[in-house]
Amino acid sequence: MTVVTRPMRVARMLLRSAGICLCSVMSACVLPIAPEFQDPPASQNFAPEILDTDPVMGSIVSVTGTVPTFHVLVTDPNVGDELQVRWIADYPPFVNGKTSVMVTTPVPSSGTVQIHDVTHQPNCVLDHLAPTPTHQIVVVVADRPFLDPGTPVDLERLPADGLKNSRSWILNLDCSVPP
């Protein structure tokens, strides 16, 4: 082997090994696959939301003069849902002769997401409050009409596809004293 042929042979070997390396690098190349974006199912139901309360939820509210009006700001991500806002006194648990559904207020859908201010001012006589000095006031916001059972132990019962949210307060209002 001559000195001139030797570099050509070395060059040929390098080209072959470079080709093999290039092929092995190319075969290991991973092409990214684009993610599959999907809209959430249109039929998915979300629970109604209670955005704010006045008085502050969970607080103890004492009557000094006039009975306070309870406010809840409610909304629902499902724009077609007609909300039901139920105000209940002395619940849970249900106690016969003491628990009272004060009022259930329907909030019709407008076809767009809206915030509704729903209020109630408890009244010993009109709401048939128990003759006690303290009451637990509960508001339940549901996205389906309430199913009132024959025996009213579950005043928050809804159809299987219904969702709800609730808040409560303690109201110091003595209903044992005549107005």
C-alpha atoms as a PDB file:
ATOM      1  CA  MET A   1       0.000   0.000   0.000  1.00  0.00           C
ATOM      2  CA  THR A   2       1.352   3.325  -1.011  1.00  0.00           C
ATOM      3  CA  VAL A   3       1.329   6.480   0.983  1.00  0.00           C
ATOM      4  CA  VAL A   4      -1.119   8.114  -1.474  1.00  0.00           C
ATOM      5  CA  THR A   5      -3.714   5.346  -1.265  1.00  0.00           C
ATOM      6  CA  ARG A   6      -3.607   5.229   2.477  1.00  0.00           C
ATOM      7  CA  PRO A   7      -5.255   8.652   3.010  1.00  0.00           C
ATOM      8  CA  MET A   8      -7.940   7.780   0.475  1.00  0.00           C
ATOM      9  CA  ARG A   9      -8.657   4.583   2.322  1.00  0.00           C
ATOM     10  CA  VAL A  10      -8.854   6.449   5.641  1.00  0.00           C
ATOM     11  CA  ALA A  11     -11.130   9.072   4.055  1.00  0.00           C
ATOM     12  CA  ARG A  12     -13.416   6.349   2.697  1.00  0.00           C
ATOM     13  CA  MET A  13     -13.617   4.739   6.140  1.00  0.00           C
ATOM     14  CA  LEU A  14     -14.433   8.075   7.759  1.00  0.00           C
ATOM     15  CA  LEU A  15     -17.159   8.785   5.198  1.00  0.00           C
ATOM     16  CA  ARG A  16     -18.708   5.364   5.786  1.00  0.00           C
ATOM     17  CA  SER A  17     -18.674   5.781   9.558  1.00  0.00           C
ATOM     18  CA  ALA A  18     -20.069   9.319   9.221  1.00  0.00           C
ATOM     19  CA  GLY A  19     -22.860   7.950   7.051  1.00  0.00           C
ATOM     20  CA  ILE A  20     -23.627   5.287   9.609  1.00  0.00           C
ATOM     21  CA  CYS A  21     -23.594   7.885  12.397  1.00  0.00           C
ATOM     22  CA  LEU A  22     -25.836  10.178  10.376  1.00  0.00           C
ATOM     23  CA  CYS A  23     -28.287   7.360   9.745  1.00  0.00           C
ATOM     24  CA  SER A  24     -28.331   6.375  13.397  1.00  0.00           C
ATOM     25  CA  VAL A  25     -28.918   9.993  14.455  1.00  0.00           C
ATOM     26  CA  MET A  26     -31.719  10.389  11.945  1.00  0.00           C
ATOM     27  CA  SER A  27     -33.427   7.195  13.037  1.00  0.00           C
ATOM     28  CA  ALA A  28     -33.500   8.458  16.613  1.00  0.00           C
ATOM     29  CA  CYS A  29     -35.160  11.720  15.662  1.00  0.00           C
ATOM     30  CA  VAL A  30     -38.551  12.185  17.343  1.00  0.00           C
ATOM     31  CA  LEU A  31     -41.133  14.266  15.591  1.00  0.00           C
ATOM     32  CA  PRO A  32     -43.464  16.146  17.949  1.00  0.00           C
ATOM     33  CA  ILE A  33     -47.152  15.349  17.652  1.00  0.00           C
ATOM     34  CA  ALA A  34     -49.559  18.231  17.999  1.00  0.00           C
ATOM     35  CA  PRO A  35     -51.944  18.051  20.988  1.00  0.00           C
ATOM     36  CA  GLU A  36     -55.565  17.268  20.324  1.00  0.00           C
ATOM     37  CA  PHE A  37     -57.598  20.186  21.635  1.00  0.00           C
ATOM     38  CA  GLN A  38     -61.220  19.444  22.490  1.00  0.00           C
ATOM     39  CA  ASP A  39     -63.990  21.615  23.828  1.00  0.00           C
ATOM     40  CA  PRO A  40     -65.506  20.355  27.073  1.00  0.00           C
ATOM     41  CA  PRO A  41     -68.778  18.525  26.605  1.00  0.00           C
ATOM     42  CA  ALA A  42     -71.603  21.027  26.200  1.00  0.00           C
ATOM     43  CA  SER A  43     -73.833  18.982  28.480  1.00  0.00           C
ATOM     44  CA  GLN A  44     -71.504  19.166  31.493  1.00  0.00           C
ATOM     45  CA  ASN A  45     -73.318  20.638  34.484  1.00  0.00           C
ATOM     46  CA  PHE A  46     -71.525  22.941  36.913  1.00  0.00           C
ATOM     47  CA  ALA A  47     -72.775  23.826  40.389  1.00  0.00           C
ATOM     48  CA  PRO A  48     -74.245  27.282  40.946  1.00  0.00           C
ATOM     49  CA  GLU A  49     -71.956  29.657  42.780  1.00  0.00           C
ATOM     50  CA  ILE A  50     -72.523  31.915  45.769  1.00  0.00           C
ATOM     51  CA  LEU A  51     -70.154  34.802  45.101  1.00  0.00           C
ATOM     52  CA  ASP A  52     -70.822  36.901  48.197  1.00  0.00           C
ATOM     53  CA  THR A  53     -73.117  37.165  51.197  1.00  0.00           C
ATOM     54  CA  ASP A  54     -74.280  39.966  53.457  1.00  0.00           C
ATOM     55  CA  PRO A  55     -74.016  39.488  56.401  1.00  0.00           C
ATOM     56  CA  VAL A  56     -70.770  37.542  56.026  1.00  0.00           C
ATOM     57  CA  MET A  57     -71.468  33.811  55.800  1.00  0.00           C
ATOM     58  CA  GLY A  58     -71.076  31.912  59.029  1.00  0.00           C
ATOM     59  CA  SER A  59     -71.503  35.008  61.176  1.00  0.00           C
ATOM     60  CA  ILE A  60     -73.734  35.455  64.201  1.00  0.00           C
ATOM     61  CA  VAL A  61     -76.281  38.159  63.424  1.00  0.00           C
ATOM     62  CA  SER A  62     -78.039  39.920  66.299  1.00  0.00           C
ATOM     63  CA  VAL A  63     -81.185  41.951  65.877  1.00  0.00           C
ATOM     64  CA  THR A  64     -80.831  45.513  67.080  1.00  0.00           C
ATOM     65  CA  GLY A  65     -84.016  47.255  66.039  1.00  0.00           C
ATOM     66  CA  THR A  66     -84.980  45.976  62.594  1.00  0.00           C
ATOM     67  CA  VAL A  67     -84.449  42.410  61.475  1.00  0.00           C
ATOM     68  CA  PRO A  68     -81.572  42.354  58.964  1.00  0.00           C
ATOM     69  CA  THR A  69     -82.087  41.425  55.336  1.00  0.00           C
ATOM     70  CA  PHE A  70     -79.892  38.565  54.137  1.00  0.00           C
ATOM     71  CA  HIS A  71     -78.327  38.990  50.666  1.00  0.00           C
ATOM     72  CA  VAL A  72     -76.628  36.404  48.464  1.00  0.00           C
ATOM     73  CA  LEU A  73     -75.005  37.102  45.100  1.00  0.00           C
ATOM     74  CA  VAL A  74     -75.499  34.006  42.939  1.00  0.00           C
ATOM     75  CA  THR A  75     -74.522  32.933  39.444  1.00  0.00           C
ATOM     76  CA  ASP A  76     -74.278  29.760  37.391  1.00  0.00           C
ATOM     77  CA  PRO A  77     -71.693  28.908  34.711  1.00  0.00           C
ATOM     78  CA  ASN A  78     -74.445  27.034  32.820  1.00  0.00           C
ATOM     79  CA  VAL A  79     -76.305  29.981  31.314  1.00  0.00           C
ATOM     80  CA  GLY A  80     -79.460  27.974  30.606  1.00  0.00           C
ATOM     81  CA  ASP A  81     -80.008  26.878  34.213  1.00  0.00           C
ATOM     82  CA  GLU A  82     -82.855  28.496  36.110  1.00  0.00           C
ATOM     83  CA  LEU A  83     -81.706  28.771  39.703  1.00  0.00           C
ATOM     84  CA  GLN A  84     -83.796  28.094  42.785  1.00  0.00           C
ATOM     85  CA  VAL A  85     -82.848  29.913  46.003  1.00  0.00           C
ATOM     86  CA  ARG A  86     -84.342  28.372  49.138  1.00  0.00           C
ATOM     87  CA  TRP A  87     -84.204  30.023  52.555  1.00  0.00           C
ATOM     88  CA  ILE A  88     -84.596  27.595  55.478  1.00  0.00           C
ATOM     89  CA  ALA A  89     -84.766  28.326  59.224  1.00  0.00           C
ATOM     90  CA  ASP A  90     -83.574  26.006  61.981  1.00  0.00           C
ATOM     91  CA  TYR A  91     -82.035  23.462  59.621  1.00  0.00           C
ATOM     92  CA  PRO A  92     -80.136  21.130  59.483  1.00  0.00           C
ATOM     93  CA  PRO A  93     -81.137  18.860  61.001  1.00  0.00           C
ATOM     94  CA  PHE A  94     -84.823  18.749  60.252  1.00  0.00           C
ATOM     95  CA  VAL A  95     -86.826  19.049  63.467  1.00  0.00           C
ATOM     96  CA  ASN A  96     -90.588  18.657  63.136  1.00  0.00           C
ATOM     97  CA  GLY A  97     -92.379  21.760  64.366  1.00  0.00           C
ATOM     98  CA  LYS A  98     -89.174  23.805  64.390  1.00  0.00           C
ATOM     99  CA  THR A  99     -87.669  23.679  60.869  1.00  0.00           C
ATOM    100  CA  SER A 100     -89.297  25.983  58.351  1.00  0.00           C
ATOM    101  CA  VAL A 101     -88.856  26.610  54.629  1.00  0.00           C
ATOM    102  CA  MET A 102     -89.223  30.378  54.652  1.00  0.00           C
ATOM    103  CA  VAL A 103     -89.318  30.909  50.874  1.00  0.00           C
ATOM    104  CA  THR A 104     -88.073  29.416  47.604  1.00  0.00           C
ATOM    105  CA  THR A 105     -87.289  32.081  45.003  1.00  0.00           C
ATOM    106  CA  PRO A 106     -86.868  31.136  41.332  1.00  0.00           C
ATOM    107  CA  VAL A 107     -84.176  33.031  39.414  1.00  0.00           C
ATOM    108  CA  PRO A 108     -84.971  32.727  35.696  1.00  0.00           C
ATOM    109  CA  SER A 109     -82.223  32.280  33.129  1.00  0.00           C
ATOM    110  CA  SER A 110     -81.483  35.166  30.797  1.00  0.00           C
ATOM    111  CA  GLY A 111     -79.350  33.127  28.396  1.00  0.00           C
ATOM    112  CA  THR A 112     -76.127  34.809  29.539  1.00  0.00           C
ATOM    113  CA  VAL A 113     -74.023  34.520  32.676  1.00  0.00           C
ATOM    114  CA  GLN A 114     -75.418  37.011  35.154  1.00  0.00           C
ATOM    115  CA  ILE A 115     -75.077  37.781  38.841  1.00  0.00           C
ATOM    116  CA  HIS A 116     -78.304  37.946  40.822  1.00  0.00           C
ATOM    117  CA  ASP A 117     -78.819  39.497  44.254  1.00  0.00           C
ATOM    118  CA  VAL A 118     -81.403  37.418  46.109  1.00  0.00           C
ATOM    119  CA  THR A 119     -82.605  38.637  49.488  1.00  0.00           C
ATOM    120  CA  HIS A 120     -84.775  37.559  52.375  1.00  0.00           C
ATOM    121  CA  GLN A 121     -85.706  39.236  55.643  1.00  0.00           C
ATOM    122  CA  PRO A 122     -86.783  36.619  58.215  1.00  0.00           C
ATOM    123  CA  ASN A 123     -90.062  37.248  60.037  1.00  0.00           C
ATOM    124  CA  CYS A 124     -91.204  35.280  63.088  1.00  0.00           C
ATOM    125  CA  VAL A 125     -94.874  35.185  62.033  1.00  0.00           C
ATOM    126  CA  LEU A 126     -94.746  35.133  58.219  1.00  0.00           C
ATOM    127  CA  ASP A 127     -91.951  32.536  58.081  1.00  0.00           C
ATOM    128  CA  HIS A 128     -93.406  30.383  60.908  1.00  0.00           C
ATOM    129  CA  LEU A 129     -90.165  30.521  62.873  1.00  0.00           C
ATOM    130  CA  ALA A 130     -89.932  28.370  65.987  1.00  0.00           C
ATOM    131  CA  PRO A 131     -90.537  30.170  69.305  1.00  0.00           C
ATOM    132  CA  THR A 132     -86.852  30.201  70.205  1.00  0.00           C
ATOM    133  CA  PRO A 133     -84.356  33.042  70.663  1.00  0.00           C
ATOM    134  CA  THR A 134     -81.800  31.704  68.150  1.00  0.00           C
ATOM    135  CA  HIS A 135     -82.205  30.372  64.596  1.00  0.00           C
ATOM    136  CA  GLN A 136     -79.874  28.861  62.062  1.00  0.00           C
ATOM    137  CA  ILE A 137     -80.619  30.459  58.687  1.00  0.00           C
ATOM    138  CA  VAL A 138     -79.553  28.440  55.625  1.00  0.00           C
ATOM    139  CA  VAL A 139     -79.695  29.479  51.991  1.00  0.00           C
ATOM    140  CA  VAL A 140     -79.468  26.761  49.341  1.00  0.00           C
ATOM    141  CA  VAL A 141     -78.890  27.688  45.685  1.00  0.00           C
ATOM    142  CA  ALA A 142     -79.750  24.893  43.249  1.00  0.00           C
ATOM    143  CA  ASP A 143     -79.688  24.576  39.483  1.00  0.00           C
ATOM    144  CA  ARG A 144     -82.801  22.363  39.393  1.00  0.00           C
ATOM    145  CA  PRO A 145     -86.179  22.586  41.164  1.00  0.00           C
ATOM    146  CA  PHE A 146     -86.183  21.102  44.660  1.00  0.00           C
ATOM    147  CA  LEU A 147     -87.848  17.712  45.106  1.00  0.00           C
ATOM    148  CA  ASP A 148     -89.978  18.076  48.195  1.00  0.00           C
ATOM    149  CA  PRO A 149     -90.365  14.625  49.744  1.00  0.00           C
ATOM    150  CA  GLY A 150     -93.541  13.391  51.439  1.00  0.00           C
ATOM    151  CA  THR A 151     -91.707  13.698  54.746  1.00  0.00           C
ATOM    152  CA  PRO A 152     -89.582  16.859  54.727  1.00  0.00           C
ATOM    153  CA  VAL A 153     -86.356  15.506  56.215  1.00  0.00           C
ATOM    154  CA  ASP A 154     -84.195  16.560  53.245  1.00  0.00           C
ATOM    155  CA  LEU A 155     -85.222  20.072  52.252  1.00  0.00           C
ATOM    156  CA  GLU A 156     -82.254  20.288  49.844  1.00  0.00           C
ATOM    157  CA  ARG A 157     -83.137  17.223  47.738  1.00  0.00           C
ATOM    158  CA  LEU A 158     -82.673  17.625  43.969  1.00  0.00           C
ATOM    159  CA  PRO A 159     -82.998  15.467  40.856  1.00  0.00           C
ATOM    160  CA  ALA A 160     -79.968  13.234  40.147  1.00  0.00           C
ATOM    161  CA  ASP A 161     -78.465  15.753  37.692  1.00  0.00           C
ATOM    162  CA  GLY A 162     -78.961  18.741  40.025  1.00  0.00           C
ATOM    163  CA  LEU A 163     -76.202  20.562  41.867  1.00  0.00           C
ATOM    164  CA  LYS A 164     -76.339  22.991  44.778  1.00  0.00           C
ATOM    165  CA  ASN A 165     -74.368  25.276  47.044  1.00  0.00           C
ATOM    166  CA  SER A 166     -75.301  26.546  50.511  1.00  0.00           C
ATOM    167  CA  ARG A 167     -74.333  29.022  53.224  1.00  0.00           C
ATOM    168  CA  SER A 168     -75.564  29.584  56.781  1.00  0.00           C
ATOM    169  CA  TRP A 169     -75.734  32.095  59.610  1.00  0.00           C
ATOM    170  CA  ILE A 170     -76.916  32.192  63.211  1.00  0.00           C
ATOM    171  CA  LEU A 171     -79.693  34.744  63.758  1.00  0.00           C
ATOM    172  CA  ASN A 172     -80.427  35.975  67.271  1.00  0.00           C
ATOM    173  CA  LEU A 173     -84.115  36.802  66.852  1.00  0.00           C
ATOM    174  CA  ASP A 174     -86.371  35.929  69.770  1.00  0.00           C
ATOM    175  CA  CYS A 175     -89.591  34.571  68.285  1.00  0.00           C
ATOM    176  CA  SER A 176     -90.935  33.441  71.653  1.00  0.00           C
ATOM    177  CA  VAL A 177     -91.927  37.019  72.421  1.00  0.00           C
ATOM    178  CA  PRO A 178     -95.117  38.250  70.659  1.00  0.00           C
ATOM    179  CA  PRO A 179     -94.428  41.077  68.147  1.00  0.00           C
END
